[in-house]
């Protein structure tokens, strides 16, 4: 599986600059295929709105906020007094639009807890894959001072956490330990979210790749950790790429899941 993953992901981010390039790619794909994305974005927004309406959080962290395409921002601005938009990079137009909103705080964080920095400091030669795996497993997500009283939404983020590992160069450093490292990052994220008062997850967990003249699609997992138990779980298909711009000569759909996590705190 490790070599397979390394083959599939060759240009994903492993630096802050890469994160910004990835976000620009998302914007381009949305501009090209907005009608096909509409149902996924609508369903994501509804899940967020229902979650906020249910718990009425005073403080809400949105992890992986990006271009805010899957957020009902007007509703959140009216109903969340303290809204934190958290990502490894924030698109400038989004910051310009909302930076004067008194309820909005932009936080720039590597939500793995330091994977990007670790990879930047890892020597490219004579790297011990077992030591690199141990270093990755030792990473812990950042803590927030008001985490136990705040609500949190992980928004189409879980599958993205291992992206820095999945380009050819970094995948080769880990070798057969790649999948274990990916799973560790995702498991850590899921467990960390349980420390919030209320937690909602929306994430893709499988790519469905269709090639012309092939009878069956190629199914590629995007979640390597044990699948989290979700309350009121829902699933749908995201028509992610229908023109072959993501993978040449293939259409790619994503299977998406949404639901609440049971947290470690009393309701």
C-alpha atoms as a PDB file:
ATOM      1  CA  UNK A   1       0.000   0.000   0.000  1.00  0.00           C
ATOM      2  CA  UNK A   2       2.799   2.445   0.835  1.00  0.00           C
ATOM      3  CA  UNK A   3       4.330   2.371  -2.644  1.00  0.00           C
ATOM      4  CA  UNK A   4       0.833   2.668  -4.116  1.00  0.00           C
ATOM      5  CA  UNK A   5       0.139   5.820  -2.094  1.00  0.00           C
ATOM      6  CA  UNK A   6       3.464   7.302  -3.084  1.00  0.00           C
ATOM      7  CA  UNK A   7       2.589   6.779  -6.750  1.00  0.00           C
ATOM      8  CA  UNK A   8      -0.814   8.395  -6.419  1.00  0.00           C
ATOM      9  CA  UNK A   9       0.235  11.653  -4.805  1.00  0.00           C
ATOM     10  CA  UNK A  10       3.135  13.398  -6.484  1.00  0.00           C
ATOM     11  CA  UNK A  11       2.479  17.130  -6.174  1.00  0.00           C
ATOM     12  CA  UNK A  12       0.757  17.716  -2.848  1.00  0.00           C
ATOM     13  CA  UNK A  13       1.928  20.264  -0.327  1.00  0.00           C
ATOM     14  CA  UNK A  14       4.884  19.834   1.972  1.00  0.00           C
ATOM     15  CA  UNK A  15       5.558  23.509   2.673  1.00  0.00           C
ATOM     16  CA  UNK A  16       3.646  26.716   3.346  1.00  0.00           C
ATOM     17  CA  UNK A  17       4.171  27.688  -0.274  1.00  0.00           C
ATOM     18  CA  UNK A  18       2.805  24.312  -1.307  1.00  0.00           C
ATOM     19  CA  UNK A  19      -0.261  24.871   0.875  1.00  0.00           C
ATOM     20  CA  UNK A  20      -1.015  28.123  -0.907  1.00  0.00           C
ATOM     21  CA  UNK A  21      -0.557  26.455  -4.301  1.00  0.00           C
ATOM     22  CA  UNK A  22      -2.935  23.710  -3.228  1.00  0.00           C
ATOM     23  CA  UNK A  23      -5.545  26.293  -2.226  1.00  0.00           C
ATOM     24  CA  UNK A  24      -5.202  28.028  -5.587  1.00  0.00           C
ATOM     25  CA  UNK A  25      -5.773  24.668  -7.247  1.00  0.00           C
ATOM     26  CA  UNK A  26      -8.968  24.193  -5.252  1.00  0.00           C
ATOM     27  CA  UNK A  27     -10.172  27.631  -6.363  1.00  0.00           C
ATOM     28  CA  UNK A  28      -9.474  26.830 -10.012  1.00  0.00           C
ATOM     29  CA  UNK A  29     -11.254  23.484  -9.835  1.00  0.00           C
ATOM     30  CA  UNK A  30     -14.252  25.082  -8.159  1.00  0.00           C
ATOM     31  CA  UNK A  31     -14.411  27.782 -10.832  1.00  0.00           C
ATOM     32  CA  UNK A  32     -14.393  25.098 -13.532  1.00  0.00           C
ATOM     33  CA  UNK A  33     -16.868  22.701 -11.875  1.00  0.00           C
ATOM     34  CA  UNK A  34     -18.964  24.772  -9.480  1.00  0.00           C
ATOM     35  CA  UNK A  35     -22.261  23.272 -10.651  1.00  0.00           C
ATOM     36  CA  UNK A  36     -21.006  19.744  -9.964  1.00  0.00           C
ATOM     37  CA  UNK A  37     -19.705  20.765  -6.542  1.00  0.00           C
ATOM     38  CA  UNK A  38     -22.978  22.459  -5.570  1.00  0.00           C
ATOM     39  CA  UNK A  39     -24.629  19.475  -3.872  1.00  0.00           C
ATOM     40  CA  UNK A  40     -21.551  18.603  -1.809  1.00  0.00           C
ATOM     41  CA  UNK A  41     -21.113  22.204  -0.676  1.00  0.00           C
ATOM     42  CA  UNK A  42     -24.806  22.547   0.134  1.00  0.00           C
ATOM     43  CA  UNK A  43     -24.808  19.364   2.210  1.00  0.00           C
ATOM     44  CA  UNK A  44     -21.632  20.402   4.042  1.00  0.00           C
ATOM     45  CA  UNK A  45     -23.124  23.811   4.811  1.00  0.00           C
ATOM     46  CA  UNK A  46     -26.322  22.215   6.084  1.00  0.00           C
ATOM     47  CA  UNK A  47     -24.415  19.882   8.394  1.00  0.00           C
ATOM     48  CA  UNK A  48     -22.521  22.866   9.811  1.00  0.00           C
ATOM     49  CA  UNK A  49     -25.671  24.944  10.220  1.00  0.00           C
ATOM     50  CA  UNK A  50     -27.567  22.117  11.918  1.00  0.00           C
ATOM     51  CA  UNK A  51     -24.633  21.518  14.286  1.00  0.00           C
ATOM     52  CA  UNK A  52     -24.461  25.188  15.270  1.00  0.00           C
ATOM     53  CA  UNK A  53     -28.241  25.427  15.655  1.00  0.00           C
ATOM     54  CA  UNK A  54     -28.213  22.362  17.930  1.00  0.00           C
ATOM     55  CA  UNK A  55     -25.453  23.458  20.310  1.00  0.00           C
ATOM     56  CA  UNK A  56     -25.421  27.260  19.892  1.00  0.00           C
ATOM     57  CA  UNK A  57     -21.703  27.474  20.701  1.00  0.00           C
ATOM     58  CA  UNK A  58     -20.245  30.709  22.005  1.00  0.00           C
ATOM     59  CA  UNK A  59     -16.815  29.682  20.659  1.00  0.00           C
ATOM     60  CA  UNK A  60     -16.457  27.674  17.451  1.00  0.00           C
ATOM     61  CA  UNK A  61     -13.259  26.488  15.782  1.00  0.00           C
ATOM     62  CA  UNK A  62     -13.453  25.597  12.089  1.00  0.00           C
ATOM     63  CA  UNK A  63     -10.435  23.518  11.090  1.00  0.00           C
ATOM     64  CA  UNK A  64      -9.423  23.609   7.432  1.00  0.00           C
ATOM     65  CA  UNK A  65     -11.468  26.718   6.670  1.00  0.00           C
ATOM     66  CA  UNK A  66      -9.699  27.577   3.375  1.00  0.00           C
ATOM     67  CA  UNK A  67     -11.938  29.349   0.880  1.00  0.00           C
ATOM     68  CA  UNK A  68     -15.022  28.944   3.123  1.00  0.00           C
ATOM     69  CA  UNK A  69     -16.875  27.291   0.245  1.00  0.00           C
ATOM     70  CA  UNK A  70     -18.454  24.696   2.517  1.00  0.00           C
ATOM     71  CA  UNK A  71     -19.372  27.108   5.327  1.00  0.00           C
ATOM     72  CA  UNK A  72     -22.670  29.015   5.726  1.00  0.00           C
ATOM     73  CA  UNK A  73     -20.778  32.170   6.641  1.00  0.00           C
ATOM     74  CA  UNK A  74     -23.780  34.520   6.864  1.00  0.00           C
ATOM     75  CA  UNK A  75     -25.423  32.157   9.334  1.00  0.00           C
ATOM     76  CA  UNK A  76     -22.239  31.753  11.378  1.00  0.00           C
ATOM     77  CA  UNK A  77     -21.656  35.502  11.570  1.00  0.00           C
ATOM     78  CA  UNK A  78     -25.158  35.944  12.927  1.00  0.00           C
ATOM     79  CA  UNK A  79     -25.078  33.051  15.404  1.00  0.00           C
ATOM     80  CA  UNK A  80     -21.504  32.480  16.638  1.00  0.00           C
ATOM     81  CA  UNK A  81     -20.067  35.247  18.834  1.00  0.00           C
ATOM     82  CA  UNK A  82     -16.478  33.953  18.661  1.00  0.00           C
ATOM     83  CA  UNK A  83     -15.601  32.241  15.352  1.00  0.00           C
ATOM     84  CA  UNK A  84     -12.056  30.951  14.784  1.00  0.00           C
ATOM     85  CA  UNK A  85     -11.063  30.065  11.210  1.00  0.00           C
ATOM     86  CA  UNK A  86      -8.026  27.806  11.377  1.00  0.00           C
ATOM     87  CA  UNK A  87      -5.819  26.649   8.495  1.00  0.00           C
ATOM     88  CA  UNK A  88      -2.183  26.286   7.517  1.00  0.00           C
ATOM     89  CA  UNK A  89      -2.679  29.256   5.159  1.00  0.00           C
ATOM     90  CA  UNK A  90      -5.551  31.649   4.487  1.00  0.00           C
ATOM     91  CA  UNK A  91      -6.412  32.939   1.003  1.00  0.00           C
ATOM     92  CA  UNK A  92      -5.854  36.698   0.881  1.00  0.00           C
ATOM     93  CA  UNK A  93      -9.317  37.516  -0.536  1.00  0.00           C
ATOM     94  CA  UNK A  94     -10.918  35.672   2.393  1.00  0.00           C
ATOM     95  CA  UNK A  95      -8.839  37.523   4.970  1.00  0.00           C
ATOM     96  CA  UNK A  96      -9.581  40.852   3.284  1.00  0.00           C
ATOM     97  CA  UNK A  97     -13.299  40.135   3.296  1.00  0.00           C
ATOM     98  CA  UNK A  98     -13.678  39.080   6.932  1.00  0.00           C
ATOM     99  CA  UNK A  99     -10.769  40.566   8.870  1.00  0.00           C
ATOM    100  CA  UNK A 100     -12.878  43.481  10.109  1.00  0.00           C
ATOM    101  CA  UNK A 101     -15.641  41.237  11.411  1.00  0.00           C
ATOM    102  CA  UNK A 102     -15.372  41.504  15.208  1.00  0.00           C
ATOM    103  CA  UNK A 103     -16.468  37.900  15.746  1.00  0.00           C
ATOM    104  CA  UNK A 104     -13.902  36.386  13.341  1.00  0.00           C
ATOM    105  CA  UNK A 105     -10.343  35.366  14.223  1.00  0.00           C
ATOM    106  CA  UNK A 106      -7.954  33.899  11.643  1.00  0.00           C
ATOM    107  CA  UNK A 107      -5.460  31.421  13.068  1.00  0.00           C
ATOM    108  CA  UNK A 108      -2.607  30.110  10.936  1.00  0.00           C
ATOM    109  CA  UNK A 109      -1.571  26.681  12.182  1.00  0.00           C
ATOM    110  CA  UNK A 110      -0.232  23.377  10.934  1.00  0.00           C
ATOM    111  CA  UNK A 111      -3.040  21.304  12.392  1.00  0.00           C
ATOM    112  CA  UNK A 112      -0.913  18.168  12.512  1.00  0.00           C
ATOM    113  CA  UNK A 113       1.141  19.899  15.188  1.00  0.00           C
ATOM    114  CA  UNK A 114       4.360  20.251  13.217  1.00  0.00           C
ATOM    115  CA  UNK A 115       4.592  17.803  10.301  1.00  0.00           C
ATOM    116  CA  UNK A 116       5.636  20.454   7.789  1.00  0.00           C
ATOM    117  CA  UNK A 117       8.432  21.717  10.024  1.00  0.00           C
ATOM    118  CA  UNK A 118       9.564  18.168  10.784  1.00  0.00           C
ATOM    119  CA  UNK A 119       9.856  17.333   7.087  1.00  0.00           C
ATOM    120  CA  UNK A 120      11.741  20.545   6.387  1.00  0.00           C
ATOM    121  CA  UNK A 121      14.287  19.559   9.050  1.00  0.00           C
ATOM    122  CA  UNK A 122      14.590  15.912   8.001  1.00  0.00           C
ATOM    123  CA  UNK A 123      17.798  15.160   6.089  1.00  0.00           C
ATOM    124  CA  UNK A 124      17.187  13.908   2.578  1.00  0.00           C
ATOM    125  CA  UNK A 125      20.094  11.451   2.750  1.00  0.00           C
ATOM    126  CA  UNK A 126      20.657   8.600   5.183  1.00  0.00           C
ATOM    127  CA  UNK A 127      17.214   9.041   6.692  1.00  0.00           C
ATOM    128  CA  UNK A 128      16.157   6.238   9.024  1.00  0.00           C
ATOM    129  CA  UNK A 129      12.510   5.549   8.131  1.00  0.00           C
ATOM    130  CA  UNK A 130      11.800   4.020  11.543  1.00  0.00           C
ATOM    131  CA  UNK A 131      13.076   7.132  13.300  1.00  0.00           C
ATOM    132  CA  UNK A 132      11.077   9.378  10.978  1.00  0.00           C
ATOM    133  CA  UNK A 133       7.962   7.330  11.710  1.00  0.00           C
ATOM    134  CA  UNK A 134       8.613   7.629  15.451  1.00  0.00           C
ATOM    135  CA  UNK A 135       9.024  11.398  15.088  1.00  0.00           C
ATOM    136  CA  UNK A 136       5.727  11.623  13.193  1.00  0.00           C
ATOM    137  CA  UNK A 137       3.957   9.514  15.794  1.00  0.00           C
ATOM    138  CA  UNK A 138       5.257  11.848  18.513  1.00  0.00           C
ATOM    139  CA  UNK A 139       3.616  14.892  16.912  1.00  0.00           C
ATOM    140  CA  UNK A 140       0.573  16.172  18.780  1.00  0.00           C
ATOM    141  CA  UNK A 141      -1.987  18.637  17.410  1.00  0.00           C
ATOM    142  CA  UNK A 142      -1.937  22.175  18.849  1.00  0.00           C
ATOM    143  CA  UNK A 143      -3.939  22.871  21.983  1.00  0.00           C
ATOM    144  CA  UNK A 144      -6.330  25.780  22.451  1.00  0.00           C
ATOM    145  CA  UNK A 145      -6.708  27.404  25.857  1.00  0.00           C
ATOM    146  CA  UNK A 146     -10.532  27.209  25.669  1.00  0.00           C
ATOM    147  CA  UNK A 147     -10.694  23.803  23.999  1.00  0.00           C
ATOM    148  CA  UNK A 148     -12.803  22.141  26.702  1.00  0.00           C
ATOM    149  CA  UNK A 149     -15.553  24.771  26.444  1.00  0.00           C
ATOM    150  CA  UNK A 150     -15.472  25.281  22.658  1.00  0.00           C
ATOM    151  CA  UNK A 151     -17.092  23.442  19.758  1.00  0.00           C
ATOM    152  CA  UNK A 152     -15.104  22.323  16.733  1.00  0.00           C
ATOM    153  CA  UNK A 153     -15.685  21.364  13.113  1.00  0.00           C
ATOM    154  CA  UNK A 154     -13.126  19.430  11.078  1.00  0.00           C
ATOM    155  CA  UNK A 155     -14.120  20.466   7.577  1.00  0.00           C
ATOM    156  CA  UNK A 156     -12.984  18.306   4.658  1.00  0.00           C
ATOM    157  CA  UNK A 157      -9.611  18.152   6.398  1.00  0.00           C
ATOM    158  CA  UNK A 158      -8.961  14.600   7.601  1.00  0.00           C
ATOM    159  CA  UNK A 159      -7.791  13.278   4.241  1.00  0.00           C
ATOM    160  CA  UNK A 160      -5.531  16.309   3.752  1.00  0.00           C
ATOM    161  CA  UNK A 161      -3.488  15.899   6.930  1.00  0.00           C
ATOM    162  CA  UNK A 162      -1.063  13.333   5.402  1.00  0.00           C
ATOM    163  CA  UNK A 163      -0.612  15.292   2.132  1.00  0.00           C
ATOM    164  CA  UNK A 164       2.919  16.448   3.023  1.00  0.00           C
ATOM    165  CA  UNK A 165       3.952  12.780   3.195  1.00  0.00           C
ATOM    166  CA  UNK A 166       2.462  11.774  -0.127  1.00  0.00           C
ATOM    167  CA  UNK A 167       4.750  13.397  -2.638  1.00  0.00           C
ATOM    168  CA  UNK A 168       7.378  11.095  -4.097  1.00  0.00           C
ATOM    169  CA  UNK A 169      10.303  12.542  -2.159  1.00  0.00           C
ATOM    170  CA  UNK A 170       8.790  12.251   1.309  1.00  0.00           C
ATOM    171  CA  UNK A 171       7.041   8.966   0.566  1.00  0.00           C
ATOM    172  CA  UNK A 172      10.419   7.469  -0.334  1.00  0.00           C
ATOM    173  CA  UNK A 173      11.839   8.525   3.044  1.00  0.00           C
ATOM    174  CA  UNK A 174       9.218   6.442   4.839  1.00  0.00           C
ATOM    175  CA  UNK A 175       9.119   3.501   2.448  1.00  0.00           C
ATOM    176  CA  UNK A 176       6.944   0.713   3.847  1.00  0.00           C
ATOM    177  CA  UNK A 177       6.057   2.862   6.871  1.00  0.00           C
ATOM    178  CA  UNK A 178       4.133   5.430   4.822  1.00  0.00           C
ATOM    179  CA  UNK A 179       0.643   4.106   5.440  1.00  0.00           C
ATOM    180  CA  UNK A 180       1.331   3.723   9.179  1.00  0.00           C
ATOM    181  CA  UNK A 181       2.490   7.346   9.324  1.00  0.00           C
ATOM    182  CA  UNK A 182      -0.630   8.555   7.500  1.00  0.00           C
ATOM    183  CA  UNK A 183      -2.854   6.603   9.845  1.00  0.00           C
ATOM    184  CA  UNK A 184      -1.057   8.008  12.881  1.00  0.00           C
ATOM    185  CA  UNK A 185      -1.684  11.611  11.818  1.00  0.00           C
ATOM    186  CA  UNK A 186      -5.358  10.986  11.177  1.00  0.00           C
ATOM    187  CA  UNK A 187      -5.921   9.010  14.366  1.00  0.00           C
ATOM    188  CA  UNK A 188      -4.245  11.761  16.388  1.00  0.00           C
ATOM    189  CA  UNK A 189      -6.535  14.361  14.809  1.00  0.00           C
ATOM    190  CA  UNK A 190      -9.662  12.350  15.593  1.00  0.00           C
ATOM    191  CA  UNK A 191      -8.664  11.742  19.217  1.00  0.00           C
ATOM    192  CA  UNK A 192      -7.662  15.393  19.691  1.00  0.00           C
ATOM    193  CA  UNK A 193     -11.112  16.530  18.554  1.00  0.00           C
ATOM    194  CA  UNK A 194     -12.695  14.511  21.363  1.00  0.00           C
ATOM    195  CA  UNK A 195     -11.212  17.019  23.842  1.00  0.00           C
ATOM    196  CA  UNK A 196     -13.628  19.715  22.613  1.00  0.00           C
ATOM    197  CA  UNK A 197     -17.093  20.142  24.075  1.00  0.00           C
ATOM    198  CA  UNK A 198     -18.857  19.251  20.798  1.00  0.00           C
ATOM    199  CA  UNK A 199     -17.268  18.015  17.583  1.00  0.00           C
ATOM    200  CA  UNK A 200     -18.459  17.635  13.990  1.00  0.00           C
ATOM    201  CA  UNK A 201     -16.462  15.890  11.268  1.00  0.00           C
ATOM    202  CA  UNK A 202     -16.976  16.148   7.519  1.00  0.00           C
ATOM    203  CA  UNK A 203     -14.398  14.281   5.442  1.00  0.00           C
ATOM    204  CA  UNK A 204     -13.861  12.301   2.285  1.00  0.00           C
ATOM    205  CA  UNK A 205     -12.793   8.731   2.870  1.00  0.00           C
ATOM    206  CA  UNK A 206     -12.537   7.193  -0.598  1.00  0.00           C
ATOM    207  CA  UNK A 207     -11.783   8.247  -4.161  1.00  0.00           C
ATOM    208  CA  UNK A 208     -13.874   6.630  -6.874  1.00  0.00           C
ATOM    209  CA  UNK A 209     -11.879   6.788 -10.107  1.00  0.00           C
ATOM    210  CA  UNK A 210     -13.519   5.976 -13.412  1.00  0.00           C
ATOM    211  CA  UNK A 211     -11.528   5.436 -16.592  1.00  0.00           C
ATOM    212  CA  UNK A 212     -13.154   5.187 -20.026  1.00  0.00           C
ATOM    213  CA  UNK A 213     -13.770   1.614 -21.214  1.00  0.00           C
ATOM    214  CA  UNK A 214     -13.221   0.147 -17.719  1.00  0.00           C
ATOM    215  CA  UNK A 215     -16.187  -1.694 -16.265  1.00  0.00           C
ATOM    216  CA  UNK A 216     -15.347  -1.121 -12.596  1.00  0.00           C
ATOM    217  CA  UNK A 217     -14.011   2.025 -10.901  1.00  0.00           C
ATOM    218  CA  UNK A 218     -10.738   2.108  -9.019  1.00  0.00           C
ATOM    219  CA  UNK A 219     -11.411   2.664  -5.306  1.00  0.00           C
ATOM    220  CA  UNK A 220      -8.647   4.472  -3.403  1.00  0.00           C
ATOM    221  CA  UNK A 221      -8.926   5.061   0.360  1.00  0.00           C
ATOM    222  CA  UNK A 222      -8.151   8.521   1.692  1.00  0.00           C
ATOM    223  CA  UNK A 223      -8.522   7.620   5.378  1.00  0.00           C
ATOM    224  CA  UNK A 224      -5.995   5.145   6.767  1.00  0.00           C
ATOM    225  CA  UNK A 225      -6.874   5.350  10.459  1.00  0.00           C
ATOM    226  CA  UNK A 226      -9.754   3.294  11.864  1.00  0.00           C
ATOM    227  CA  UNK A 227     -12.968   4.889  10.683  1.00  0.00           C
ATOM    228  CA  UNK A 228     -14.338   7.062  13.515  1.00  0.00           C
ATOM    229  CA  UNK A 229     -17.702   6.197  15.023  1.00  0.00           C
ATOM    230  CA  UNK A 230     -20.054   9.018  14.066  1.00  0.00           C
ATOM    231  CA  UNK A 231     -23.400   9.896  15.585  1.00  0.00           C
ATOM    232  CA  UNK A 232     -26.170  10.564  13.050  1.00  0.00           C
ATOM    233  CA  UNK A 233     -23.771   9.595  10.291  1.00  0.00           C
ATOM    234  CA  UNK A 234     -24.553  10.688   6.732  1.00  0.00           C
ATOM    235  CA  UNK A 235     -22.804   9.877   3.461  1.00  0.00           C
ATOM    236  CA  UNK A 236     -22.882  11.361  -0.027  1.00  0.00           C
ATOM    237  CA  UNK A 237     -20.871  11.584  -3.235  1.00  0.00           C
ATOM    238  CA  UNK A 238     -18.842  14.682  -4.125  1.00  0.00           C
ATOM    239  CA  UNK A 239     -18.469  15.072  -7.911  1.00  0.00           C
ATOM    240  CA  UNK A 240     -14.946  16.295  -7.382  1.00  0.00           C
ATOM    241  CA  UNK A 241     -13.501  16.167 -10.896  1.00  0.00           C
ATOM    242  CA  UNK A 242     -15.467  15.357 -14.030  1.00  0.00           C
ATOM    243  CA  UNK A 243     -13.072  16.655 -16.693  1.00  0.00           C
ATOM    244  CA  UNK A 244      -9.834  14.800 -15.947  1.00  0.00           C
ATOM    245  CA  UNK A 245      -7.947  17.768 -14.504  1.00  0.00           C
ATOM    246  CA  UNK A 246      -7.161  15.961 -11.238  1.00  0.00           C
ATOM    247  CA  UNK A 247      -6.005  12.704 -12.816  1.00  0.00           C
ATOM    248  CA  UNK A 248      -5.596  12.632 -16.567  1.00  0.00           C
ATOM    249  CA  UNK A 249      -8.210  10.658 -18.474  1.00  0.00           C
ATOM    250  CA  UNK A 250     -10.184   9.833 -15.308  1.00  0.00           C
ATOM    251  CA  UNK A 251     -13.198  11.232 -13.529  1.00  0.00           C
ATOM    252  CA  UNK A 252     -12.800  11.308  -9.776  1.00  0.00           C
ATOM    253  CA  UNK A 253     -15.630  11.339  -7.256  1.00  0.00           C
ATOM    254  CA  UNK A 254     -15.190  11.381  -3.479  1.00  0.00           C
ATOM    255  CA  UNK A 255     -17.229   9.496  -0.932  1.00  0.00           C
ATOM    256  CA  UNK A 256     -17.908  11.833   1.978  1.00  0.00           C
ATOM    257  CA  UNK A 257     -19.044  11.145   5.532  1.00  0.00           C
ATOM    258  CA  UNK A 258     -20.393  13.549   8.133  1.00  0.00           C
ATOM    259  CA  UNK A 259     -21.408  13.186  11.756  1.00  0.00           C
ATOM    260  CA  UNK A 260     -20.696  14.103  15.344  1.00  0.00           C
ATOM    261  CA  UNK A 261     -17.906  12.557  17.375  1.00  0.00           C
ATOM    262  CA  UNK A 262     -18.524  11.411  20.904  1.00  0.00           C
ATOM    263  CA  UNK A 263     -16.305  13.628  23.007  1.00  0.00           C
ATOM    264  CA  UNK A 264     -14.476  12.975  26.253  1.00  0.00           C
ATOM    265  CA  UNK A 265     -16.383  15.729  28.067  1.00  0.00           C
ATOM    266  CA  UNK A 266     -19.828  15.604  29.669  1.00  0.00           C
ATOM    267  CA  UNK A 267     -22.613  17.020  27.511  1.00  0.00           C
END
